[in-house]
N, C-alpha and C. Protein backbone atom coordinates (compact mmCIF):
# COMPACT_ATOMS: atom_id res chain seq x y z
N UNK A 1 -34.51 -14.52 13.20
CA UNK A 1 -33.23 -14.43 13.10
C UNK A 1 -32.97 -15.38 14.60
N UNK A 2 -31.95 -16.09 13.80
CA UNK A 2 -31.45 -16.80 15.14
C UNK A 2 -30.29 -16.73 15.73
N UNK A 3 -29.64 -16.81 17.05
CA UNK A 3 -28.62 -16.49 17.43
C UNK A 3 -27.29 -16.54 16.34
N UNK A 4 -27.00 -17.28 15.89
CA UNK A 4 -25.65 -17.48 15.13
C UNK A 4 -25.77 -16.19 14.19
N UNK A 5 -27.14 -15.49 13.48
CA UNK A 5 -27.07 -14.43 12.53
C UNK A 5 -26.63 -13.29 13.41
N UNK A 6 -27.01 -12.97 14.77
CA UNK A 6 -26.67 -12.12 15.60
C UNK A 6 -25.34 -11.82 16.01
N UNK A 7 -24.36 -12.97 16.07
CA UNK A 7 -23.11 -12.37 16.17
C UNK A 7 -22.19 -12.35 15.06
N UNK A 8 -21.82 -11.19 14.75
CA UNK A 8 -20.53 -11.11 13.80
C UNK A 8 -19.40 -11.26 13.79
N UNK A 9 -19.36 -11.70 12.53
CA UNK A 9 -17.71 -12.21 12.34
C UNK A 9 -16.76 -10.92 12.25
N UNK A 10 -15.58 -11.42 12.94
CA UNK A 10 -14.24 -10.14 13.23
C UNK A 10 -14.12 -9.78 11.47
N UNK A 11 -13.95 -8.76 11.37
CA UNK A 11 -13.46 -8.16 9.95
C UNK A 11 -12.03 -8.64 9.53
N UNK A 12 -11.94 -9.48 8.37
CA UNK A 12 -10.30 -10.12 8.29
C UNK A 12 -9.24 -9.04 8.05
N UNK A 13 -9.73 -7.86 7.58
CA UNK A 13 -8.95 -6.36 7.15
C UNK A 13 -8.27 -6.14 8.52
N UNK A 14 -8.90 -6.57 9.92
CA UNK A 14 -8.46 -6.19 11.13
C UNK A 14 -7.60 -7.41 11.86
N UNK A 15 -7.30 -8.19 11.09
CA UNK A 15 -6.46 -9.52 11.89
C UNK A 15 -5.03 -9.00 11.68
N UNK A 16 -4.01 -9.43 12.54
CA UNK A 16 -2.79 -9.48 12.27
C UNK A 16 -2.48 -10.51 11.09
N UNK A 17 -1.35 -10.09 10.94
CA UNK A 17 -0.97 -10.65 9.62
C UNK A 17 0.77 -10.97 9.32
N UNK A 18 0.92 -11.98 8.95
CA UNK A 18 2.55 -12.35 8.68
C UNK A 18 2.84 -11.27 7.30
N UNK A 19 4.26 -10.56 7.23
CA UNK A 19 4.77 -9.70 6.28
C UNK A 19 5.99 -10.33 5.69
N UNK A 20 6.10 -10.74 4.52
CA UNK A 20 7.16 -11.57 3.86
C UNK A 20 8.64 -10.37 4.18
N UNK A 21 9.63 -10.98 4.79
CA UNK A 21 10.49 -10.45 5.38
C UNK A 21 11.31 -9.54 3.92
N UNK A 22 10.74 -10.34 2.93
CA UNK A 22 11.75 -9.70 1.14
C UNK A 22 10.95 -8.51 1.39
N UNK A 23 10.14 -8.13 1.61
CA UNK A 23 8.95 -6.67 1.36
C UNK A 23 10.24 -5.72 2.23
N UNK A 24 10.58 -5.67 3.11
CA UNK A 24 11.49 -5.08 4.10
C UNK A 24 12.50 -4.51 3.64
N UNK A 25 12.86 -3.26 4.00
CA UNK A 25 14.52 -2.74 3.62
C UNK A 25 15.32 -3.49 5.06
N UNK A 26 16.75 -3.67 4.62
CA UNK A 26 17.46 -4.44 5.75
C UNK A 26 17.54 -3.44 6.89
N UNK A 27 16.96 -1.84 6.87
CA UNK A 27 17.01 -1.34 8.31
C UNK A 27 15.69 -1.45 8.81
N UNK A 28 14.80 -1.57 7.95
CA UNK A 28 13.37 -2.02 8.80
C UNK A 28 13.45 -3.36 9.49
N UNK A 29 14.13 -4.40 9.21
CA UNK A 29 14.41 -5.65 9.80
C UNK A 29 15.47 -5.50 10.80
N UNK A 30 16.26 -4.37 10.73
CA UNK A 30 17.23 -4.56 11.76
C UNK A 30 16.60 -3.82 12.79
N UNK A 31 15.69 -2.64 12.99
CA UNK A 31 15.11 -2.28 13.53
C UNK A 31 13.93 -3.28 14.36
N UNK A 32 13.20 -3.83 13.71
CA UNK A 32 12.52 -5.06 14.36
C UNK A 32 13.33 -5.91 15.27
N UNK A 33 14.21 -6.26 14.86
CA UNK A 33 15.34 -7.45 15.56
C UNK A 33 15.52 -6.52 16.79
N UNK A 34 16.49 -5.13 16.49
CA UNK A 34 16.81 -4.55 17.88
C UNK A 34 15.36 -4.21 19.22
N UNK A 35 14.74 -3.88 18.41
CA UNK A 35 13.17 -3.84 19.18
C UNK A 35 12.90 -4.89 19.88
N UNK A 36 12.85 -6.60 19.40
CA UNK A 36 12.45 -7.42 19.86
C UNK A 36 13.73 -7.96 21.02
N UNK A 37 14.78 -7.73 20.60
CA UNK A 37 16.18 -8.05 21.70
C UNK A 37 15.80 -6.92 22.77
N UNK A 38 15.79 -5.80 22.82
CA UNK A 38 15.29 -4.98 23.85
C UNK A 38 14.25 -4.97 24.66
N UNK A 39 13.28 -5.68 23.83
CA UNK A 39 11.69 -5.80 24.85
C UNK A 39 11.76 -7.12 25.60
N UNK A 40 12.12 -8.21 24.78
CA UNK A 40 12.24 -9.86 25.51
C UNK A 40 13.68 -10.54 25.98
N UNK A 41 14.71 -9.93 25.52
CA UNK A 41 16.07 -10.11 26.07
C UNK A 41 16.09 -9.18 27.29
N UNK A 42 16.02 -7.71 27.08
CA UNK A 42 16.27 -6.78 28.09
C UNK A 42 15.70 -7.01 29.37
N UNK A 43 14.83 -7.72 29.40
CA UNK A 43 13.93 -8.20 30.29
C UNK A 43 14.32 -9.67 31.26
N UNK A 44 15.46 -9.87 30.63
CA UNK A 44 15.99 -11.04 31.20
C UNK A 44 17.32 -10.88 32.28
N UNK A 45 17.40 -9.49 32.40
CA UNK A 45 18.39 -8.96 33.34
C UNK A 45 19.60 -9.24 32.53
N UNK A 46 19.97 -9.02 31.09
CA UNK A 46 21.06 -9.40 30.44
C UNK A 46 21.55 -7.89 30.56
N UNK A 47 22.97 -8.07 30.73
CA UNK A 47 23.76 -6.33 30.60
C UNK A 47 23.78 -5.97 29.23
N UNK A 48 23.72 -6.74 28.13
CA UNK A 48 23.34 -6.05 26.58
C UNK A 48 22.65 -6.89 25.92
N UNK A 49 21.66 -6.81 25.82
CA UNK A 49 20.72 -7.65 25.35
C UNK A 49 20.94 -7.43 23.90
N UNK A 50 21.44 -6.38 23.16
CA UNK A 50 21.33 -6.45 21.92
C UNK A 50 22.42 -7.66 21.48
N UNK A 51 23.33 -8.06 22.04
CA UNK A 51 24.19 -9.01 21.65
C UNK A 51 23.54 -10.11 21.23
N UNK A 52 21.97 -10.24 21.22
CA UNK A 52 21.44 -11.22 20.96
C UNK A 52 20.95 -11.23 19.17
N UNK A 53 21.35 -9.88 18.60
CA UNK A 53 20.95 -9.85 17.62
C UNK A 53 21.01 -10.89 16.23
N UNK A 54 22.43 -10.79 16.29
CA UNK A 54 22.65 -12.00 15.22
C UNK A 54 21.79 -13.59 15.50
N UNK A 55 21.72 -13.63 16.64
CA UNK A 55 20.86 -14.72 17.12
C UNK A 55 19.54 -14.74 16.45
N UNK A 56 19.02 -13.64 16.89
CA UNK A 56 17.05 -13.33 16.27
C UNK A 56 17.60 -12.95 14.99
N UNK A 57 17.89 -12.44 14.42
CA UNK A 57 18.16 -12.32 13.04
C UNK A 57 18.17 -13.75 12.28
N UNK A 58 18.96 -14.72 12.87
CA UNK A 58 19.36 -15.97 12.05
C UNK A 58 17.82 -16.55 12.27
N UNK A 59 17.27 -16.43 13.36
CA UNK A 59 15.90 -17.01 13.40
C UNK A 59 14.71 -16.60 12.43
N UNK A 60 15.11 -15.15 12.49
CA UNK A 60 14.08 -14.40 11.17
C UNK A 60 14.23 -15.45 10.03
N UNK A 61 15.29 -15.38 9.57
CA UNK A 61 16.26 -15.77 8.41
C UNK A 61 15.62 -17.45 8.21
N UNK A 62 15.24 -18.23 9.28
CA UNK A 62 15.38 -19.56 8.88
C UNK A 62 13.71 -19.61 9.03
N UNK A 63 12.97 -18.43 9.45
CA UNK A 63 11.44 -18.77 9.77
C UNK A 63 11.11 -19.00 10.90
N UNK A 64 11.94 -19.55 12.23
CA UNK A 64 11.50 -19.66 13.57
C UNK A 64 11.11 -18.29 14.01
N UNK A 65 11.00 -16.88 13.73
CA UNK A 65 10.70 -15.52 14.04
C UNK A 65 9.76 -15.13 12.75
N UNK A 66 8.82 -14.29 12.88
CA UNK A 66 8.36 -14.16 11.20
C UNK A 66 7.83 -12.37 11.93
N UNK A 67 7.48 -11.85 11.12
CA UNK A 67 7.33 -10.33 11.32
C UNK A 67 5.62 -10.48 11.04
N UNK A 68 5.16 -9.96 12.31
CA UNK A 68 3.86 -9.88 12.38
C UNK A 68 3.06 -8.53 12.10
N UNK A 69 2.27 -7.98 11.43
CA UNK A 69 1.92 -6.78 11.14
C UNK A 69 0.43 -6.51 12.09
N UNK A 70 0.18 -5.60 12.62
CA UNK A 70 -1.50 -5.35 13.32
C UNK A 70 -2.14 -3.81 12.46
N UNK A 71 -2.92 -4.11 11.53
CA UNK A 71 -3.19 -2.89 11.13
C UNK A 71 -4.48 -2.25 11.96
N UNK A 72 -4.74 -2.89 12.67
CA UNK A 72 -5.44 -1.82 13.86
C UNK A 72 -4.75 -1.08 14.67
N UNK A 73 -3.41 -1.46 15.09
CA UNK A 73 -2.43 -0.65 15.98
C UNK A 73 -1.62 0.09 15.21
N UNK A 74 -1.45 -0.52 13.61
CA UNK A 74 -0.51 -0.12 13.06
C UNK A 74 0.80 0.09 13.10
N UNK A 75 1.27 -1.33 13.71
CA UNK A 75 2.45 -1.69 14.40
C UNK A 75 2.85 -2.94 14.15
N UNK A 76 4.17 -3.21 14.07
CA UNK A 76 4.62 -4.39 13.66
C UNK A 76 5.58 -4.98 14.41
N UNK A 77 6.06 -6.29 14.73
CA UNK A 77 7.17 -6.76 15.30
C UNK A 77 7.02 -8.29 14.87
N UNK A 78 8.21 -8.73 15.90
CA UNK A 78 8.59 -10.37 15.57
C UNK A 78 7.63 -10.98 16.51
N UNK A 79 7.49 -12.58 16.16
CA UNK A 79 6.69 -13.32 16.90
C UNK A 79 6.92 -14.97 16.21
N UNK A 80 6.59 -15.81 16.97
CA UNK A 80 6.44 -16.94 16.43
C UNK A 80 5.46 -17.02 15.13
N UNK A 81 5.86 -18.01 14.27
CA UNK A 81 5.40 -18.16 12.95
C UNK A 81 3.55 -18.69 13.25
N UNK A 82 2.71 -18.58 12.47
CA UNK A 82 1.32 -19.16 12.61
C UNK A 82 1.30 -20.71 12.62
N UNK A 83 0.31 -21.41 13.38
CA UNK A 83 0.41 -22.81 13.94
C UNK A 83 -0.28 -23.30 12.05
N UNK A 84 0.39 -24.37 11.85
CA UNK A 84 -0.21 -24.81 10.05
C UNK A 84 -1.37 -25.43 10.30
């Protein structure tokens, strides 16, 4: 058995993946946008990080931000789309 056979490949079912936003309810998507705003914009010493919601939602609609789901952690969040 050579060295490459000893290295196990990661289980693809455990890799985070992009979720099509059409599969989410408006409430779910709004919750992800609010979480993104408070987590990232709230750290920038903004008085009201939720004022960024419209801008973030527009970025999601354009595809500049996507919904990632992590099956290991069972969590979802917004992030940059995967590189082509």
